[in-house]
């Protein structure tokens, strides 16, 4: 059984479809957050590089671990 429309609703289809533009606002936010996460001040980047070399990893691998786990190795 379907639910009756709430008061003030004309029962028609929605005017805006959320799934119309999947590459819209959420994708823009995701790309911006990703870019921001990869940008580190020079001192932090050098320390990450140093630590990655100590662990036998690349800078990219080490940074990915930090971003995925949310903590340093």
PDB file of N, CA and C in Angstrom:
ATOM      1  N   UNK A   1       0.847  -1.175   0.000  1.00  0.00           N
ATOM      2  CA  UNK A   1       0.000   0.000   0.000  1.00  0.00           C
ATOM      3  C   UNK A   1       0.895   1.242   0.000  1.00  0.00           C
ATOM      4  N   UNK A   2       0.576   2.191  -0.843  1.00  0.00           N
ATOM      5  CA  UNK A   2       1.395   3.397  -0.925  1.00  0.00           C
ATOM      6  C   UNK A   2       0.949   4.414   0.111  1.00  0.00           C
ATOM      7  N   UNK A   3       1.900   5.232   0.498  1.00  0.00           N
ATOM      8  CA  UNK A   3       1.621   6.282   1.485  1.00  0.00           C
ATOM      9  C   UNK A   3       0.930   7.446   0.780  1.00  0.00           C
ATOM     10  N   UNK A   4      -0.041   8.063   1.417  1.00  0.00           N
ATOM     11  CA  UNK A   4      -0.667   9.241   0.808  1.00  0.00           C
ATOM     12  C   UNK A   4       0.320  10.406   0.797  1.00  0.00           C
ATOM     13  N   UNK A   5       0.150  11.281  -0.169  1.00  0.00           N
ATOM     14  CA  UNK A   5       1.028  12.447  -0.268  1.00  0.00           C
ATOM     15  C   UNK A   5       0.807  13.360   0.934  1.00  0.00           C
ATOM     16  N   UNK A   6       1.881  14.005   1.426  1.00  0.00           N
ATOM     17  CA  UNK A   6       1.723  14.913   2.567  1.00  0.00           C
ATOM     18  C   UNK A   6       0.905  16.140   2.165  1.00  0.00           C
ATOM     19  N   UNK A   7       0.336  16.838   3.138  1.00  0.00           N
ATOM     20  CA  UNK A   7      -0.440  18.047   2.830  1.00  0.00           C
ATOM     21  C   UNK A   7       0.402  19.051   2.032  1.00  0.00           C
ATOM     22  N   UNK A   8      -0.194  19.640   1.035  1.00  0.00           N
ATOM     23  CA  UNK A   8       0.501  20.627   0.214  1.00  0.00           C
ATOM     24  C   UNK A   8       1.223  20.018  -0.979  1.00  0.00           C
ATOM     25  N   UNK A   9       1.202  18.698  -1.099  1.00  0.00           N
ATOM     26  CA  UNK A   9       1.873  18.029  -2.212  1.00  0.00           C
ATOM     27  C   UNK A   9       0.843  17.754  -3.290  1.00  0.00           C
ATOM     28  N   UNK A  10       1.186  18.039  -4.537  1.00  0.00           N
ATOM     29  CA  UNK A  10       0.219  17.847  -5.612  1.00  0.00           C
ATOM     30  C   UNK A  10       0.227  16.431  -6.175  1.00  0.00           C
ATOM     31  N   UNK A  11       1.119  15.573  -5.686  1.00  0.00           N
ATOM     32  CA  UNK A  11       1.151  14.185  -6.137  1.00  0.00           C
ATOM     33  C   UNK A  11       1.895  13.985  -7.444  1.00  0.00           C
ATOM     34  N   UNK A  12       2.466  15.044  -7.996  1.00  0.00           N
ATOM     35  CA  UNK A  12       3.202  14.921  -9.249  1.00  0.00           C
ATOM     36  C   UNK A  12       4.641  14.482  -9.019  1.00  0.00           C
ATOM     37  N   UNK A  13       5.378  14.279 -10.107  1.00  0.00           N
ATOM     38  CA  UNK A  13       6.780  13.860  -9.975  1.00  0.00           C
ATOM     39  C   UNK A  13       7.632  15.009  -9.429  1.00  0.00           C
ATOM     40  N   UNK A  14       8.780  14.695  -8.836  1.00  0.00           N
ATOM     41  CA  UNK A  14       9.646  15.768  -8.334  1.00  0.00           C
ATOM     42  C   UNK A  14      10.175  16.624  -9.483  1.00  0.00           C
ATOM     43  N   UNK A  15      10.357  17.899  -9.206  1.00  0.00           N
ATOM     44  CA  UNK A  15      10.844  18.811 -10.239  1.00  0.00           C
ATOM     45  C   UNK A  15      12.329  18.637 -10.497  1.00  0.00           C
ATOM     46  N   UNK A  16      13.071  18.289  -9.458  1.00  0.00           N
ATOM     47  CA  UNK A  16      14.512  18.110  -9.590  1.00  0.00           C
ATOM     48  C   UNK A  16      14.866  16.677  -9.262  1.00  0.00           C
ATOM     49  N   UNK A  17      15.641  16.071 -10.117  1.00  0.00           N
ATOM     50  CA  UNK A  17      16.082  14.702  -9.895  1.00  0.00           C
ATOM     51  C   UNK A  17      17.506  14.745  -9.368  1.00  0.00           C
ATOM     52  N   UNK A  18      17.762  14.187  -8.191  1.00  0.00           N
ATOM     53  CA  UNK A  18      19.102  14.225  -7.597  1.00  0.00           C
ATOM     54  C   UNK A  18      20.124  13.476  -8.437  1.00  0.00           C
ATOM     55  N   UNK A  19      19.709  12.423  -9.122  1.00  0.00           N
ATOM     56  CA  UNK A  19      20.646  11.598  -9.877  1.00  0.00           C
ATOM     57  C   UNK A  19      20.855  12.091 -11.306  1.00  0.00           C
ATOM     58  N   UNK A  20      20.308  13.260 -11.642  1.00  0.00           N
ATOM     59  CA  UNK A  20      20.469  13.800 -12.987  1.00  0.00           C
ATOM     60  C   UNK A  20      21.929  14.058 -13.330  1.00  0.00           C
ATOM     61  N   UNK A  21      22.667  14.619 -12.396  1.00  0.00           N
ATOM     62  CA  UNK A  21      24.048  15.006 -12.654  1.00  0.00           C
ATOM     63  C   UNK A  21      24.967  14.352 -11.625  1.00  0.00           C
ATOM     64  N   UNK A  22      25.364  13.090 -11.856  1.00  0.00           N
ATOM     65  CA  UNK A  22      26.211  12.417 -10.874  1.00  0.00           C
ATOM     66  C   UNK A  22      27.586  13.071 -10.739  1.00  0.00           C
ATOM     67  N   UNK A  23      28.032  13.770 -11.765  1.00  0.00           N
ATOM     68  CA  UNK A  23      29.348  14.419 -11.716  1.00  0.00           C
ATOM     69  C   UNK A  23      29.186  15.880 -11.320  1.00  0.00           C
ATOM     70  N   UNK A  24      28.327  16.127 -10.375  1.00  0.00           N
ATOM     71  CA  UNK A  24      28.050  17.499  -9.978  1.00  0.00           C
ATOM     72  C   UNK A  24      28.752  17.907  -8.703  1.00  0.00           C
ATOM     73  N   UNK A  25      27.963  18.390  -7.782  1.00  0.00           N
ATOM     74  CA  UNK A  25      28.472  18.968  -6.542  1.00  0.00           C
ATOM     75  C   UNK A  25      29.305  17.990  -5.731  1.00  0.00           C
ATOM     76  N   UNK A  26      28.822  16.761  -5.545  1.00  0.00           N
ATOM     77  CA  UNK A  26      29.559  15.798  -4.719  1.00  0.00           C
ATOM     78  C   UNK A  26      30.917  15.461  -5.321  1.00  0.00           C
ATOM     79  N   UNK A  27      30.979  15.328  -6.635  1.00  0.00           N
ATOM     80  CA  UNK A  27      32.249  15.036  -7.290  1.00  0.00           C
ATOM     81  C   UNK A  27      33.212  16.210  -7.126  1.00  0.00           C
ATOM     82  N   UNK A  28      32.701  17.419  -7.270  1.00  0.00           N
ATOM     83  CA  UNK A  28      33.542  18.602  -7.094  1.00  0.00           C
ATOM     84  C   UNK A  28      34.103  18.640  -5.677  1.00  0.00           C
ATOM     85  N   UNK A  29      33.248  18.377  -4.679  1.00  0.00           N
ATOM     86  CA  UNK A  29      33.698  18.374  -3.277  1.00  0.00           C
ATOM     87  C   UNK A  29      34.736  17.285  -3.045  1.00  0.00           C
ATOM     88  N   UNK A  30      34.492  16.113  -3.614  1.00  0.00           N
ATOM     89  CA  UNK A  30      35.424  15.000  -3.438  1.00  0.00           C
ATOM     90  C   UNK A  30      36.779  15.334  -4.045  1.00  0.00           C
ATOM     91  N   UNK A  31      36.791  15.882  -5.249  1.00  0.00           N
ATOM     92  CA  UNK A  31      38.059  16.245  -5.902  1.00  0.00           C
ATOM     93  C   UNK A  31      38.812  17.306  -5.108  1.00  0.00           C
ATOM     94  N   UNK A  32      38.085  18.278  -4.604  1.00  0.00           N
ATOM     95  CA  UNK A  32      38.730  19.342  -3.828  1.00  0.00           C
ATOM     96  C   UNK A  32      39.325  18.790  -2.532  1.00  0.00           C
ATOM     97  N   UNK A  33      38.585  17.930  -1.844  1.00  0.00           N
ATOM     98  CA  UNK A  33      39.084  17.335  -0.602  1.00  0.00           C
ATOM     99  C   UNK A  33      40.294  16.456  -0.875  1.00  0.00           C
ATOM    100  N   UNK A  34      40.278  15.722  -1.973  1.00  0.00           N
ATOM    101  CA  UNK A  34      41.407  14.852  -2.326  1.00  0.00           C
ATOM    102  C   UNK A  34      42.652  15.684  -2.606  1.00  0.00           C
ATOM    103  N   UNK A  35      42.470  16.756  -3.375  1.00  0.00           N
ATOM    104  CA  UNK A  35      43.594  17.640  -3.677  1.00  0.00           C
ATOM    105  C   UNK A  35      44.166  18.250  -2.398  1.00  0.00           C
ATOM    106  N   UNK A  36      43.275  18.667  -1.512  1.00  0.00           N
ATOM    107  CA  UNK A  36      43.707  19.283  -0.258  1.00  0.00           C
ATOM    108  C   UNK A  36      44.442  18.275   0.627  1.00  0.00           C
ATOM    109  N   UNK A  37      43.994  17.027   0.632  1.00  0.00           N
ATOM    110  CA  UNK A  37      44.635  15.997   1.459  1.00  0.00           C
ATOM    111  C   UNK A  37      46.053  15.702   0.979  1.00  0.00           C
ATOM    112  N   UNK A  38      46.285  15.796  -0.324  1.00  0.00           N
ATOM    113  CA  UNK A  38      47.614  15.496  -0.867  1.00  0.00           C
ATOM    114  C   UNK A  38      48.583  16.657  -0.730  1.00  0.00           C
ATOM    115  N   UNK A  39      48.072  17.863  -0.505  1.00  0.00           N
ATOM    116  CA  UNK A  39      48.959  19.024  -0.354  1.00  0.00           C
ATOM    117  C   UNK A  39      49.436  19.090   1.086  1.00  0.00           C
ATOM    118  N   UNK A  40      50.721  19.010   1.267  1.00  0.00           N
ATOM    119  CA  UNK A  40      51.293  19.099   2.612  1.00  0.00           C
ATOM    120  C   UNK A  40      52.369  20.177   2.599  1.00  0.00           C
ATOM    121  N   UNK A  41      52.531  20.888   3.707  1.00  0.00           N
ATOM    122  CA  UNK A  41      53.613  21.867   3.784  1.00  0.00           C
ATOM    123  C   UNK A  41      54.959  21.172   3.552  1.00  0.00           C
ATOM    124  N   UNK A  42      55.950  21.898   3.046  1.00  0.00           N
ATOM    125  CA  UNK A  42      57.245  21.286   2.722  1.00  0.00           C
ATOM    126  C   UNK A  42      57.873  20.501   3.872  1.00  0.00           C
ATOM    127  N   UNK A  43      57.765  21.022   5.094  1.00  0.00           N
ATOM    128  CA  UNK A  43      58.378  20.329   6.235  1.00  0.00           C
ATOM    129  C   UNK A  43      57.732  18.962   6.454  1.00  0.00           C
ATOM    130  N   UNK A  44      56.416  18.914   6.325  1.00  0.00           N
ATOM    131  CA  UNK A  44      55.696  17.657   6.532  1.00  0.00           C
ATOM    132  C   UNK A  44      55.998  16.689   5.398  1.00  0.00           C
ATOM    133  N   UNK A  45      56.043  17.202   4.171  1.00  0.00           N
ATOM    134  CA  UNK A  45      56.343  16.345   3.025  1.00  0.00           C
ATOM    135  C   UNK A  45      57.740  15.736   3.156  1.00  0.00           C
ATOM    136  N   UNK A  46      58.708  16.536   3.592  1.00  0.00           N
ATOM    137  CA  UNK A  46      60.070  16.017   3.764  1.00  0.00           C
ATOM    138  C   UNK A  46      60.130  14.962   4.866  1.00  0.00           C
ATOM    139  N   UNK A  47      59.397  15.192   5.948  1.00  0.00           N
ATOM    140  CA  UNK A  47      59.375  14.212   7.041  1.00  0.00           C
ATOM    141  C   UNK A  47      58.709  12.917   6.588  1.00  0.00           C
ATOM    142  N   UNK A  48      57.634  13.032   5.819  1.00  0.00           N
ATOM    143  CA  UNK A  48      56.971  11.831   5.297  1.00  0.00           C
ATOM    144  C   UNK A  48      57.899  11.066   4.364  1.00  0.00           C
ATOM    145  N   UNK A  49      58.631  11.797   3.523  1.00  0.00           N
ATOM    146  CA  UNK A  49      59.568  11.155   2.609  1.00  0.00           C
ATOM    147  C   UNK A  49      60.653  10.426   3.383  1.00  0.00           C
ATOM    148  N   UNK A  50      61.173  11.076   4.403  1.00  0.00           N
ATOM    149  CA  UNK A  50      62.217  10.476   5.246  1.00  0.00           C
ATOM    150  C   UNK A  50      61.701   9.200   5.920  1.00  0.00           C
ATOM    151  N   UNK A  51      60.512   9.288   6.483  1.00  0.00           N
ATOM    152  CA  UNK A  51      59.922   8.135   7.179  1.00  0.00           C
ATOM    153  C   UNK A  51      59.601   7.012   6.189  1.00  0.00           C
ATOM    154  N   UNK A  52      59.121   7.358   5.014  1.00  0.00           N
ATOM    155  CA  UNK A  52      58.811   6.353   3.998  1.00  0.00           C
ATOM    156  C   UNK A  52      60.068   5.596   3.594  1.00  0.00           C
ATOM    157  N   UNK A  53      61.169   6.316   3.416  1.00  0.00           N
ATOM    158  CA  UNK A  53      62.430   5.665   3.056  1.00  0.00           C
ATOM    159  C   UNK A  53      62.903   4.737   4.164  1.00  0.00           C
ATOM    160  N   UNK A  54      62.705   5.140   5.432  1.00  0.00           N
ATOM    161  CA  UNK A  54      63.078   4.280   6.558  1.00  0.00           C
ATOM    162  C   UNK A  54      62.296   2.971   6.536  1.00  0.00           C
ATOM    163  N   UNK A  55      61.033   3.051   6.106  1.00  0.00           N
ATOM    164  CA  UNK A  55      60.166   1.868   6.078  1.00  0.00           C
ATOM    165  C   UNK A  55      60.257   1.102   4.759  1.00  0.00           C
ATOM    166  N   UNK A  56      61.030   1.616   3.807  1.00  0.00           N
ATOM    167  CA  UNK A  56      61.162   0.952   2.508  1.00  0.00           C
ATOM    168  C   UNK A  56      59.946   1.150   1.614  1.00  0.00           C
ATOM    169  N   UNK A  57      59.291   2.287   1.764  1.00  0.00           N
ATOM    170  CA  UNK A  57      58.107   2.603   0.964  1.00  0.00           C
ATOM    171  C   UNK A  57      58.380   3.858   0.147  1.00  0.00           C
ATOM    172  N   UNK A  58      57.516   4.105  -0.823  1.00  0.00           N
ATOM    173  CA  UNK A  58      57.600   5.365  -1.558  1.00  0.00           C
ATOM    174  C   UNK A  58      56.802   6.418  -0.793  1.00  0.00           C
ATOM    175  N   UNK A  59      57.029   7.675  -1.149  1.00  0.00           N
ATOM    176  CA  UNK A  59      56.280   8.766  -0.511  1.00  0.00           C
ATOM    177  C   UNK A  59      54.788   8.571  -0.733  1.00  0.00           C
ATOM    178  N   UNK A  60      54.425   8.208  -1.958  1.00  0.00           N
ATOM    179  CA  UNK A  60      53.005   8.016  -2.298  1.00  0.00           C
ATOM    180  C   UNK A  60      52.383   6.899  -1.468  1.00  0.00           C
ATOM    181  N   UNK A  61      53.069   5.770  -1.352  1.00  0.00           N
ATOM    182  CA  UNK A  61      52.542   4.649  -0.559  1.00  0.00           C
ATOM    183  C   UNK A  61      52.367   5.054   0.902  1.00  0.00           C
ATOM    184  N   UNK A  62      53.362   5.740   1.448  1.00  0.00           N
ATOM    185  CA  UNK A  62      53.309   6.155   2.851  1.00  0.00           C
ATOM    186  C   UNK A  62      52.162   7.146   3.079  1.00  0.00           C
ATOM    187  N   UNK A  63      52.020   8.116   2.184  1.00  0.00           N
ATOM    188  CA  UNK A  63      50.953   9.100   2.315  1.00  0.00           C
ATOM    189  C   UNK A  63      49.589   8.440   2.177  1.00  0.00           C
ATOM    190  N   UNK A  64      49.459   7.483   1.266  1.00  0.00           N
ATOM    191  CA  UNK A  64      48.194   6.756   1.133  1.00  0.00           C
ATOM    192  C   UNK A  64      47.844   6.026   2.425  1.00  0.00           C
ATOM    193  N   UNK A  65      48.830   5.433   3.061  1.00  0.00           N
ATOM    194  CA  UNK A  65      48.586   4.747   4.338  1.00  0.00           C
ATOM    195  C   UNK A  65      48.076   5.730   5.386  1.00  0.00           C
ATOM    196  N   UNK A  66      48.684   6.903   5.444  1.00  0.00           N
ATOM    197  CA  UNK A  66      48.247   7.919   6.407  1.00  0.00           C
ATOM    198  C   UNK A  66      46.811   8.341   6.107  1.00  0.00           C
ATOM    199  N   UNK A  67      46.513   8.590   4.835  1.00  0.00           N
ATOM    200  CA  UNK A  67      45.175   9.042   4.463  1.00  0.00           C
ATOM    201  C   UNK A  67      44.128   7.956   4.690  1.00  0.00           C
ATOM    202  N   UNK A  68      44.469   6.694   4.434  1.00  0.00           N
ATOM    203  CA  UNK A  68      43.509   5.603   4.608  1.00  0.00           C
ATOM    204  C   UNK A  68      43.261   5.289   6.076  1.00  0.00           C
ATOM    205  N   UNK A  69      44.329   5.230   6.871  1.00  0.00           N
ATOM    206  CA  UNK A  69      44.198   4.824   8.271  1.00  0.00           C
ATOM    207  C   UNK A  69      43.904   5.983   9.207  1.00  0.00           C
ATOM    208  N   UNK A  70      44.310   7.184   8.805  1.00  0.00           N
ATOM    209  CA  UNK A  70      44.107   8.338   9.664  1.00  0.00           C
ATOM    210  C   UNK A  70      45.132   8.441  10.782  1.00  0.00           C
ATOM    211  N   UNK A  71      46.209   7.665  10.673  1.00  0.00           N
ATOM    212  CA  UNK A  71      47.273   7.744  11.682  1.00  0.00           C
ATOM    213  C   UNK A  71      48.596   7.386  11.017  1.00  0.00           C
ATOM    214  N   UNK A  72      49.674   7.786  11.653  1.00  0.00           N
ATOM    215  CA  UNK A  72      51.005   7.529  11.102  1.00  0.00           C
ATOM    216  C   UNK A  72      51.459   6.124  11.447  1.00  0.00           C
ATOM    217  N   UNK A  73      52.328   5.567  10.612  1.00  0.00           N
ATOM    218  CA  UNK A  73      52.854   4.221  10.847  1.00  0.00           C
ATOM    219  C   UNK A  73      53.994   4.265  11.829  1.00  0.00           C
TER     220      UNK A  73
END
